[in-house]
Amino acid sequence: MNFLILSENTNGIWGSVHYRALAPLELRRRIELRGHKATLIEWMTRWTDEQLRFVAEKVQPDVIAISIPFNPLDIQHHSKFIYWARERFPNIEIILGGVRYHQGFEGLVDKIFMGRSMEIFDAYLDGKDLTPYIQNIPDSEKKPNSPTVLLNNTFNEYIDNPILPSLREEDFYSPRDIVGFELGVGCKFNCTFCNYELRNAKITNLADPNQLYEYFNEANKKFGIKNFYAVDDTLNETDEKLEILASVVDKLDFQPEISSYLRLDLIGGRPQQIDLLKRIQLRSVFFGIESFNPEASKLVRKRSGLYDNLDTLRKLKEACPTMYKVGGLIIGLNGDNYDHIKESAIKALEEGLLDTFRFYPLQISPVPKDHYSWYFGSDIERNPKDFDYRIIEANSEFAIDKHLQETHWVSDWTNTFESRELGARLTKEVLKNKDELIHLEYASMYALGTYDKFSDKHATKETVQVISTSTTISKLLQSNYVEAKLKSFQ
């Protein structure tokens, strides 16, 4: 079979982000492993329908596989191309991955692979019976030409290996690119608000340090790449993961600039991780702190308060002075309050312990109604009353993402709508003129060579200008890729 893989790497919210996604590279590897052919097209929204038709005529695909991990509406960008492909190749199958809901794709997609679905994809490639994975969607929710929804509710983390992709000349990498890797699959923790499907997992398969070294070394020597993204949900969930990465960095003859997620309270409880992180020297990190309030932290299954976290951050600042650190706080957790959130965040910023914050209003989506599956539901979403959240009603009008319903909840100090207003207030009152970059956005700007235009204290106007410049350069890289890829078919 011939596969045409369409992938969108860029998140429309953060235009400067230009990370090269792992999933489509892994799909290609698995397809070719079974003797099929695969052609990968990245940044699909940067292609015109006419350009994609030209490629399709060259490839003559039996299957079009679409990967859209950031914005599911990206598929609508090429709906005309998909309808054309159905007419041009009557037996073609359109499959989709990277989404968590199933509606809105009627007539466009034949099958949806939800969540981490490599095991299902292997079964699909091998022609096995997919019935065990098919989700029973109520007739009331089905629409004409609805896709078949596939989901592995018994995902076995023991058999899925972390991804270390093969970087090829045909993908036209540049020294400014950011490429990804995994040290392990899943997360051993189970925070009450988290709806990551592979939480509470026993991590047994870790990346081989020799293979990881070869991956870093080849990326740098062959393409000049030095910027990497560790996509693990929690990079420091075990010391062993950090030890593997530190041992690899020690052997390299260049300093890899790595962006990742870290759990701050784990570093506080395991001081040996400070030494490991000092050896690794991560470029940028995101800490899901959630709250500096011990009472609220306990409710989300984290174990530290303000002064524990501040002490850890001071040690980390000394060990890793160039690390860009983002703190994520949830607005609306029971046991918390506005003043404590504000005062704690200001204290961390004033000491230079964190570079910026992201304030996230608590979201509670009803499951398994509508587009959402119990498989992705957090503990709070499954049983909000057990966590003392009063649910008023559910309505898609409440949701930031209109594809999902969201409940109107009331906590012991705020509610759905007020928490959003408070998040906006905190951004204004706490950050003031500081930037609001997420860790991967900072990493992208660093890779593009634009972040050094920031001063220690920069005005919002300057921030916007630099982000705009970064976005322009990012789009130029994408355009260069499209042009080079097109020429390769001629």
Protein backbone atom coordinates (compact mmCIF):
# COMPACT_ATOMS: atom_id res chain seq x y z
CA MET A 1 0.00 0.00 0.00
CA ASN A 2 1.01 3.61 -0.54
CA PHE A 3 0.52 6.00 2.37
CA LEU A 4 0.47 9.78 2.15
CA ILE A 5 1.06 11.19 5.66
CA LEU A 6 -0.06 14.77 6.27
CA SER A 7 1.16 16.37 9.49
CA GLU A 8 0.69 19.78 11.06
CA ASN A 9 3.55 20.69 13.41
CA THR A 10 2.63 24.26 14.31
CA ASN A 11 0.18 25.32 16.98
CA GLY A 12 -1.80 28.24 15.61
CA ILE A 13 -1.91 29.91 19.03
CA TRP A 14 1.88 30.05 19.18
CA GLY A 15 2.97 30.87 15.65
CA SER A 16 6.67 30.88 16.46
CA VAL A 17 6.60 27.23 17.60
CA HIS A 18 8.16 25.09 14.87
CA TYR A 19 8.83 21.78 16.61
CA ARG A 20 8.98 18.79 14.23
CA ALA A 21 6.45 16.29 15.61
CA LEU A 22 7.36 12.69 16.51
CA ALA A 23 4.12 10.87 15.66
CA PRO A 24 4.25 11.11 11.83
CA LEU A 25 7.89 9.97 11.84
CA GLU A 26 6.92 6.93 13.89
CA LEU A 27 3.97 6.20 11.58
CA ARG A 28 6.29 6.24 8.59
CA ARG A 29 8.72 3.88 10.31
CA ARG A 30 6.00 1.37 11.16
CA ILE A 31 4.50 1.55 7.68
CA GLU A 32 7.83 0.92 5.98
CA LEU A 33 8.72 -1.83 8.47
CA ARG A 34 5.85 -3.83 6.97
CA GLY A 35 6.92 -3.31 3.38
CA HIS A 36 4.54 -0.48 2.50
CA LYS A 37 5.50 2.92 1.06
CA ALA A 38 5.06 6.19 2.96
CA THR A 39 5.44 9.80 1.88
CA LEU A 40 5.50 12.41 4.66
CA ILE A 41 4.27 15.98 4.18
CA GLU A 42 4.79 18.26 7.20
CA TRP A 43 3.22 21.63 7.99
CA MET A 44 0.24 20.66 5.87
CA THR A 45 -1.61 23.96 6.39
CA ARG A 46 1.27 25.72 4.61
CA TRP A 47 0.51 23.73 1.44
CA THR A 48 -2.12 24.74 -1.10
CA ASP A 49 -4.73 22.25 -2.29
CA GLU A 50 -3.15 22.42 -5.72
CA GLN A 51 0.27 21.48 -4.33
CA LEU A 52 -1.19 18.55 -2.39
CA ARG A 53 -3.04 17.33 -5.49
CA PHE A 54 0.26 17.41 -7.38
CA VAL A 55 1.93 15.29 -4.66
CA ALA A 56 -1.03 12.89 -4.51
CA GLU A 57 -0.85 12.30 -8.26
CA LYS A 58 2.81 11.38 -7.84
CA VAL A 59 2.23 9.15 -4.82
CA GLN A 60 -1.06 7.50 -5.89
CA PRO A 61 -2.03 6.86 -2.24
CA ASP A 62 -4.20 4.03 -0.99
CA VAL A 63 -4.37 5.73 2.43
CA ILE A 64 -4.09 9.35 3.53
CA ALA A 65 -3.04 9.46 7.20
CA ILE A 66 -3.51 12.85 8.89
CA SER A 67 -1.80 13.81 12.17
CA ILE A 68 -3.10 16.96 13.87
CA PRO A 69 -2.09 17.03 17.55
CA PHE A 70 -2.59 20.76 18.10
CA ASN A 71 -5.73 22.00 16.35
CA PRO A 72 -8.29 19.49 14.99
CA LEU A 73 -9.75 22.20 12.77
CA ASP A 74 -6.56 22.02 10.68
CA ILE A 75 -8.21 19.21 8.75
CA GLN A 76 -10.90 21.64 7.58
CA HIS A 77 -8.14 23.67 5.94
CA HIS A 78 -7.85 20.94 3.31
CA SER A 79 -11.41 19.62 3.15
CA LYS A 80 -11.57 20.39 -0.59
CA PHE A 81 -8.41 18.38 -1.16
CA ILE A 82 -9.84 15.44 0.80
CA TYR A 83 -13.08 15.47 -1.21
CA TRP A 84 -11.01 15.65 -4.40
CA ALA A 85 -8.89 12.68 -3.26
CA ARG A 86 -12.02 10.62 -2.63
CA GLU A 87 -13.18 11.23 -6.20
CA ARG A 88 -9.75 10.80 -7.77
CA PHE A 89 -8.95 7.60 -5.85
CA PRO A 90 -12.33 5.86 -5.26
CA ASN A 91 -10.91 3.18 -2.94
CA ILE A 92 -8.84 5.53 -0.79
CA GLU A 93 -9.15 5.50 2.99
CA ILE A 94 -8.69 8.63 5.13
CA ILE A 95 -7.49 8.05 8.71
CA LEU A 96 -6.90 10.59 11.47
CA GLY A 97 -4.83 10.66 14.66
CA GLY A 98 -4.02 13.14 17.41
CA VAL A 99 -7.58 14.04 18.46
CA ARG A 100 -9.71 13.22 21.48
CA TYR A 101 -13.20 13.59 20.08
CA HIS A 102 -15.03 12.22 17.11
CA GLN A 103 -17.59 14.73 15.88
CA GLY A 104 -17.02 17.31 13.17
CA PHE A 105 -15.20 14.91 10.84
CA GLU A 106 -18.23 13.44 9.04
CA GLY A 107 -17.48 12.72 5.39
CA LEU A 108 -13.85 13.70 5.79
CA VAL A 109 -12.46 10.77 7.76
CA ASP A 110 -13.09 7.02 7.71
CA LYS A 111 -11.27 6.06 10.90
CA ILE A 112 -10.10 8.02 13.96
CA PHE A 113 -7.24 6.65 16.09
CA MET A 114 -7.69 8.26 19.50
CA GLY A 115 -4.95 8.75 22.06
CA ARG A 116 -1.64 6.89 21.94
CA SER A 117 -2.70 4.30 19.42
CA MET A 118 0.45 2.68 18.00
CA GLU A 119 -0.81 -0.78 18.99
CA ILE A 120 -4.04 -0.18 17.05
CA PHE A 121 -2.12 1.19 14.09
CA ASP A 122 0.05 -1.93 13.98
CA ALA A 123 -3.10 -4.07 14.01
CA TYR A 124 -4.51 -1.93 11.20
CA LEU A 125 -1.35 -2.36 9.11
CA ASP A 126 -1.34 -6.09 9.74
CA GLY A 127 -4.95 -6.44 8.61
CA LYS A 128 -6.12 -7.69 12.01
CA ASP A 129 -9.64 -7.45 13.38
CA LEU A 130 -10.15 -3.96 14.82
CA THR A 131 -13.47 -4.76 16.47
CA PRO A 132 -12.02 -4.82 20.03
CA TYR A 133 -10.96 -1.18 19.59
CA ILE A 134 -14.19 0.20 18.09
CA GLN A 135 -16.04 2.57 20.40
CA ASN A 136 -19.79 2.19 20.74
CA ILE A 137 -21.11 5.65 19.93
CA PRO A 138 -24.83 6.13 20.83
CA ASP A 139 -27.09 6.43 17.80
CA SER A 140 -28.24 9.81 19.08
CA GLU A 141 -24.68 11.13 18.62
CA LYS A 142 -24.05 9.58 15.22
CA LYS A 143 -24.32 11.60 12.07
CA PRO A 144 -24.31 10.43 8.43
CA ASN A 145 -20.85 9.38 7.25
CA SER A 146 -19.51 9.35 10.81
CA PRO A 147 -16.00 7.87 11.12
CA THR A 148 -15.21 4.66 12.96
CA VAL A 149 -13.65 5.58 16.30
CA LEU A 150 -10.81 3.36 17.54
CA LEU A 151 -9.51 3.49 21.11
CA ASN A 152 -7.35 1.11 23.12
CA ASN A 153 -8.81 1.13 26.62
CA THR A 154 -6.35 -1.52 27.76
CA PHE A 155 -3.20 0.15 26.52
CA ASN A 156 -0.20 -1.81 27.74
CA GLU A 157 2.68 0.54 28.48
CA TYR A 158 5.00 -2.45 28.81
CA ILE A 159 5.08 -3.03 25.05
CA ASP A 160 5.24 0.51 23.68
CA ASN A 161 8.79 1.77 23.38
CA PRO A 162 9.88 5.41 23.56
CA ILE A 163 10.36 7.02 20.16
CA LEU A 164 13.79 8.00 18.85
CA PRO A 165 13.06 9.00 15.26
CA SER A 166 15.18 8.58 12.18
CA LEU A 167 16.03 11.98 10.68
CA ARG A 168 16.29 11.87 6.88
CA GLU A 169 17.58 14.13 4.16
CA GLU A 170 14.20 13.93 2.44
CA ASP A 171 12.64 15.85 5.36
CA PHE A 172 14.86 18.90 4.77
CA TYR A 173 15.95 19.72 8.32
CA SER A 174 17.76 22.94 9.13
CA PRO A 175 20.03 23.93 12.06
CA ARG A 176 17.16 26.01 13.46
CA ASP A 177 14.77 23.07 13.77
CA ILE A 178 13.63 21.55 17.06
CA VAL A 179 13.32 17.75 16.98
CA GLY A 180 11.83 15.48 19.61
CA PHE A 181 12.59 12.32 21.55
CA GLU A 182 11.12 10.22 24.36
CA LEU A 183 12.90 8.79 27.37
CA GLY A 184 9.85 6.79 28.45
CA VAL A 185 6.16 6.31 27.68
CA GLY A 186 3.45 7.27 30.15
CA CYS A 187 3.51 8.92 33.56
CA LYS A 188 3.68 7.09 36.88
CA PHE A 189 1.64 9.74 38.70
CA ASN A 190 -2.11 10.34 38.79
CA CYS A 191 -2.83 13.99 39.58
CA THR A 192 -6.53 14.51 40.21
CA PHE A 193 -6.99 17.13 37.46
CA CYS A 194 -4.96 15.27 34.79
CA ASN A 195 -6.69 13.63 31.83
CA TYR A 196 -3.54 12.24 30.19
CA GLU A 197 -4.57 8.74 29.15
CA LEU A 198 -1.29 7.10 30.18
CA ARG A 199 -1.16 8.41 33.73
CA ASN A 200 -0.73 6.05 36.68
CA ALA A 201 1.49 3.88 34.46
CA LYS A 202 4.39 1.63 35.34
CA ILE A 203 7.24 2.90 33.20
CA THR A 204 9.38 -0.07 32.24
CA ASN A 205 10.71 0.68 28.76
CA LEU A 206 13.26 3.50 28.72
CA ALA A 207 15.35 4.83 25.86
CA ASP A 208 18.66 3.08 25.31
CA PRO A 209 21.44 5.57 26.17
CA ASN A 210 23.61 4.43 23.24
CA GLN A 211 20.78 4.92 20.77
CA LEU A 212 19.94 8.29 22.33
CA TYR A 213 23.58 9.37 21.97
CA GLU A 214 23.58 8.36 18.30
CA TYR A 215 20.34 10.27 17.75
CA PHE A 216 21.69 13.51 19.25
CA ASN A 217 25.05 13.13 17.55
CA GLU A 218 23.62 12.40 14.10
CA ALA A 219 21.12 15.27 14.34
CA ASN A 220 23.95 17.65 15.10
CA LYS A 221 26.61 16.35 12.73
CA LYS A 222 24.28 15.72 9.79
CA PHE A 223 21.90 18.66 10.05
CA GLY A 224 23.52 21.08 12.51
CA ILE A 225 20.61 20.62 14.95
CA LYS A 226 21.21 21.39 18.61
CA ASN A 227 17.64 22.07 19.80
CA PHE A 228 15.57 19.18 21.14
CA TYR A 229 12.23 18.61 22.86
CA ALA A 230 11.79 15.82 25.43
CA VAL A 231 8.11 15.04 25.00
CA ASP A 232 7.78 12.93 28.18
CA ASP A 233 4.87 14.03 30.32
CA THR A 234 7.22 14.17 33.32
CA LEU A 235 10.91 14.00 32.49
CA ASN A 236 12.03 13.66 36.11
CA GLU A 237 9.48 11.13 37.35
CA THR A 238 12.41 8.76 38.01
CA ASP A 239 16.07 9.43 38.65
CA GLU A 240 16.90 6.79 36.05
CA LYS A 241 15.45 8.88 33.22
CA LEU A 242 17.57 11.87 34.20
CA GLU A 243 20.63 9.64 34.64
CA ILE A 244 20.24 8.32 31.08
CA LEU A 245 19.97 11.84 29.67
CA ALA A 246 22.85 13.16 31.79
CA SER A 247 25.15 10.31 30.70
CA VAL A 248 24.39 11.09 27.05
CA VAL A 249 24.96 14.84 27.43
CA ASP A 250 28.28 14.15 29.18
CA LYS A 251 29.55 12.26 26.12
CA LEU A 252 28.43 14.71 23.43
CA ASP A 253 30.88 17.24 22.03
CA PHE A 254 28.15 19.91 21.88
CA GLN A 255 25.59 21.19 24.37
CA PRO A 256 22.08 20.09 23.35
CA GLU A 257 19.44 22.72 24.10
CA ILE A 258 16.58 20.64 25.51
CA SER A 259 13.09 21.75 26.46
CA SER A 260 10.89 19.60 28.73
CA TYR A 261 8.27 19.23 31.44
CA LEU A 262 9.49 18.80 35.02
CA ARG A 263 7.71 18.22 38.32
CA LEU A 264 9.03 20.71 40.87
CA ASP A 265 7.98 18.90 44.06
CA LEU A 266 9.92 15.80 42.97
CA ILE A 267 13.13 17.82 42.75
CA GLY A 268 12.51 19.08 46.27
CA GLY A 269 12.11 15.55 47.58
CA ARG A 270 15.05 14.16 45.60
CA PRO A 271 17.99 16.57 45.94
CA GLN A 272 20.13 14.26 43.78
CA GLN A 273 18.07 15.45 40.82
CA ILE A 274 19.62 18.91 41.16
CA ASP A 275 23.03 17.44 40.33
CA LEU A 276 21.59 15.54 37.37
CA LEU A 277 19.86 18.63 36.02
CA LYS A 278 23.10 20.58 36.44
CA ARG A 279 24.81 18.07 34.16
CA ILE A 280 22.01 18.20 31.59
CA GLN A 281 21.52 22.01 31.60
CA LEU A 282 18.02 22.08 30.11
CA ARG A 283 17.30 25.17 28.05
CA SER A 284 13.65 25.63 29.07
CA VAL A 285 11.18 23.83 31.31
CA PHE A 286 7.54 23.93 32.33
CA PHE A 287 6.65 23.21 35.96
CA GLY A 288 3.05 22.19 36.54
CA ILE A 289 3.12 23.63 40.05
CA GLU A 290 -0.71 23.99 40.10
CA SER A 291 -0.67 25.75 43.49
CA PHE A 292 1.76 27.09 46.09
CA ASN A 293 -0.89 26.45 48.74
CA PRO A 294 -0.17 23.22 50.71
CA GLU A 295 -3.89 22.47 51.13
CA ALA A 296 -4.67 22.80 47.43
CA SER A 297 -1.47 20.95 46.48
CA LYS A 298 -2.48 18.02 48.64
CA LEU A 299 -5.87 17.81 46.92
CA VAL A 300 -4.23 17.48 43.50
CA ARG A 301 -1.75 14.91 44.88
CA LYS A 302 1.30 17.10 45.05
CA ARG A 303 3.21 17.53 48.27
CA SER A 304 4.77 20.94 48.66
CA GLY A 305 3.85 24.46 49.60
CA LEU A 306 5.24 27.90 48.89
CA TYR A 307 8.46 27.78 50.88
CA ASP A 308 9.33 24.22 49.88
CA ASN A 309 8.97 25.18 46.24
CA LEU A 310 10.86 28.46 46.61
CA ASP A 311 13.76 26.70 48.32
CA THR A 312 13.90 24.15 45.50
CA LEU A 313 13.79 26.90 42.89
CA ARG A 314 16.67 28.75 44.59
CA LYS A 315 18.85 25.64 44.41
CA LEU A 316 17.83 25.08 40.80
CA LYS A 317 18.63 28.67 39.87
CA GLU A 318 22.14 28.28 41.27
CA ALA A 319 22.71 24.96 39.49
CA CYS A 320 21.11 25.94 36.15
CA PRO A 321 21.38 29.74 35.81
CA THR A 322 20.50 29.83 32.09
CA MET A 323 17.38 27.67 32.33
CA TYR A 324 14.14 29.41 31.27
CA LYS A 325 11.50 28.35 33.82
CA VAL A 326 7.72 28.59 33.42
CA GLY A 327 5.34 27.90 36.29
CA GLY A 328 1.81 26.72 35.63
CA LEU A 329 -0.90 27.52 38.22
CA ILE A 330 -4.52 26.35 38.19
CA ILE A 331 -7.18 28.88 39.17
CA GLY A 332 -10.10 27.35 41.05
CA LEU A 333 -8.65 24.54 43.15
CA ASN A 334 -10.40 23.98 46.45
CA GLY A 335 -8.31 25.14 49.39
CA ASP A 336 -6.72 27.95 47.40
CA ASN A 337 -7.55 31.64 47.10
CA TYR A 338 -6.75 34.59 44.86
CA ASP A 339 -4.51 36.49 47.27
CA HIS A 340 -2.30 33.48 47.98
CA ILE A 341 -1.89 32.74 44.27
CA LYS A 342 -0.99 36.34 43.50
CA GLU A 343 1.40 36.85 46.41
CA SER A 344 3.19 33.55 45.82
CA ALA A 345 3.68 34.19 42.11
CA ILE A 346 4.97 37.71 42.72
CA LYS A 347 7.45 36.43 45.32
CA ALA A 348 8.82 33.82 42.89
CA LEU A 349 9.20 36.43 40.15
CA GLU A 350 10.78 39.07 42.36
CA GLU A 351 13.49 36.62 43.39
CA GLY A 352 14.05 35.64 39.76
CA LEU A 353 13.20 32.02 40.57
CA LEU A 354 10.80 31.69 37.66
CA ASP A 355 10.78 33.64 34.41
CA THR A 356 7.03 33.70 33.89
CA PHE A 357 3.72 32.06 34.77
CA ARG A 358 0.78 30.63 32.91
CA PHE A 359 -2.53 30.86 34.78
CA TYR A 360 -5.03 28.17 33.80
CA PRO A 361 -8.69 28.28 34.91
CA LEU A 362 -9.77 24.84 36.10
CA GLN A 363 -11.66 22.93 33.41
CA ILE A 364 -14.07 20.10 34.20
CA SER A 365 -15.48 18.30 31.17
CA PRO A 366 -18.39 15.87 31.60
CA VAL A 367 -17.52 12.31 30.59
CA PRO A 368 -18.39 10.21 28.72
CA LYS A 369 -20.96 12.53 27.14
CA ASP A 370 -20.72 13.91 23.63
CA HIS A 371 -17.18 13.90 22.21
CA TYR A 372 -15.27 12.90 25.32
CA SER A 373 -14.33 9.41 26.51
CA TRP A 374 -14.06 8.10 30.06
CA TYR A 375 -10.60 6.98 29.00
CA PHE A 376 -9.43 10.59 29.03
CA GLY A 377 -11.39 11.77 32.06
CA SER A 378 -9.46 12.99 35.09
CA ASP A 379 -10.46 11.84 38.56
CA ILE A 380 -12.09 15.22 39.20
CA GLU A 381 -14.04 14.95 35.94
CA ARG A 382 -15.21 11.43 36.74
CA ASN A 383 -16.30 12.19 40.30
CA PRO A 384 -16.42 15.97 40.91
CA LYS A 385 -18.51 15.57 44.07
CA ASP A 386 -15.79 13.45 45.67
CA PHE A 387 -13.53 16.50 45.41
CA ASP A 388 -16.19 18.92 46.69
CA TYR A 389 -16.97 20.57 43.36
CA ARG A 390 -20.61 21.47 42.85
CA ILE A 391 -21.72 21.02 39.25
CA ILE A 392 -24.41 23.40 37.98
CA GLU A 393 -24.80 22.18 34.38
CA ALA A 394 -22.86 21.14 31.30
CA ASN A 395 -22.87 23.09 28.08
CA SER A 396 -20.50 23.55 25.16
CA GLU A 397 -21.06 27.30 25.51
CA PHE A 398 -19.01 27.18 28.70
CA ALA A 399 -16.05 25.51 27.03
CA ILE A 400 -12.94 27.25 25.76
CA ASP A 401 -12.77 24.45 23.17
CA LYS A 402 -16.24 24.43 21.58
CA HIS A 403 -15.81 20.82 20.44
CA LEU A 404 -16.07 19.77 24.09
CA GLN A 405 -18.68 20.38 26.68
CA GLU A 406 -17.56 21.86 29.96
CA THR A 407 -19.34 21.96 33.26
CA HIS A 408 -20.23 25.09 35.15
CA TRP A 409 -18.58 24.24 38.46
CA VAL A 410 -18.43 25.95 41.85
CA SER A 411 -15.46 25.46 44.20
CA ASP A 412 -15.08 26.63 47.80
CA TRP A 413 -13.99 30.08 46.63
CA THR A 414 -14.76 30.66 42.94
CA ASN A 415 -16.52 29.24 39.87
CA THR A 416 -16.10 28.57 36.15
CA PHE A 417 -16.64 32.08 34.87
CA GLU A 418 -14.98 34.01 37.68
CA SER A 419 -11.85 31.81 37.47
CA ARG A 420 -11.33 32.93 33.87
CA GLU A 421 -11.61 36.57 34.89
CA LEU A 422 -9.22 35.97 37.78
CA GLY A 423 -6.73 34.31 35.43
CA ALA A 424 -6.76 37.40 33.22
CA ARG A 425 -6.35 39.65 36.28
CA LEU A 426 -3.41 37.62 37.54
CA THR A 427 -1.70 37.81 34.17
CA LYS A 428 -2.05 41.58 34.22
CA GLU A 429 -1.24 42.19 37.88
CA VAL A 430 1.51 39.60 38.38
CA LEU A 431 3.34 39.52 35.06
CA LYS A 432 2.87 43.17 34.20
CA ASN A 433 5.37 43.73 31.39
CA LYS A 434 7.01 40.31 31.54
CA ASP A 435 6.55 37.90 28.66
CA GLU A 436 4.12 34.98 28.86
CA LEU A 437 6.02 32.48 26.76
CA ILE A 438 5.47 28.78 27.30
CA HIS A 439 8.66 26.71 27.48
CA LEU A 440 8.40 25.40 23.92
CA GLU A 441 7.66 28.85 22.56
CA TYR A 442 10.78 30.16 24.29
CA ALA A 443 12.75 27.19 22.93
CA SER A 444 11.53 27.96 19.42
CA MET A 445 12.49 31.62 19.71
CA TYR A 446 15.89 30.63 21.09
CA ALA A 447 16.41 28.23 18.17
CA LEU A 448 15.45 30.99 15.75
CA GLY A 449 17.96 33.36 17.35
CA THR A 450 15.35 35.98 18.27
CA TYR A 451 14.97 35.71 22.04
CA ASP A 452 18.31 37.42 22.69
CA LYS A 453 16.61 40.65 21.61
CA PHE A 454 14.80 40.68 24.93
CA SER A 455 16.26 42.77 27.74
CA ASP A 456 15.95 41.79 31.40
CA LYS A 457 12.93 44.03 31.67
CA HIS A 458 11.05 44.45 28.44
CA ALA A 459 7.83 46.18 27.56
CA THR A 460 4.82 44.36 26.17
CA LYS A 461 5.27 46.20 22.87
CA GLU A 462 8.79 44.82 22.52
CA THR A 463 7.59 41.34 23.43
CA VAL A 464 4.93 41.40 20.75
CA GLN A 465 7.43 42.67 18.19
CA VAL A 466 9.94 39.87 18.92
CA ILE A 467 7.21 37.20 18.87
CA SER A 468 6.02 38.60 15.54
CA THR A 469 9.57 38.45 14.18
CA SER A 470 9.93 34.86 15.40
CA THR A 471 6.64 33.89 13.77
CA THR A 472 7.78 35.42 10.48
CA ILE A 473 11.05 33.47 10.56
CA SER A 474 9.19 30.29 11.51
CA LYS A 475 6.86 30.68 8.53
CA LEU A 476 9.86 31.29 6.30
CA LEU A 477 11.39 28.00 7.44
CA GLN A 478 8.10 26.27 6.67
CA SER A 479 7.91 27.87 3.23
CA ASN A 480 11.48 26.78 2.50
CA TYR A 481 10.53 23.25 3.50
CA VAL A 482 7.46 23.25 1.21
CA GLU A 483 9.52 24.55 -1.72
CA ALA A 484 12.27 21.96 -1.23
CA LYS A 485 9.81 19.13 -0.75
CA LEU A 486 7.89 20.06 -3.88
CA LYS A 487 11.07 20.08 -5.96
CA SER A 488 11.84 16.56 -4.75
CA PHE A 489 8.74 15.29 -6.60
CA GLN A 490 9.68 16.90 -9.90
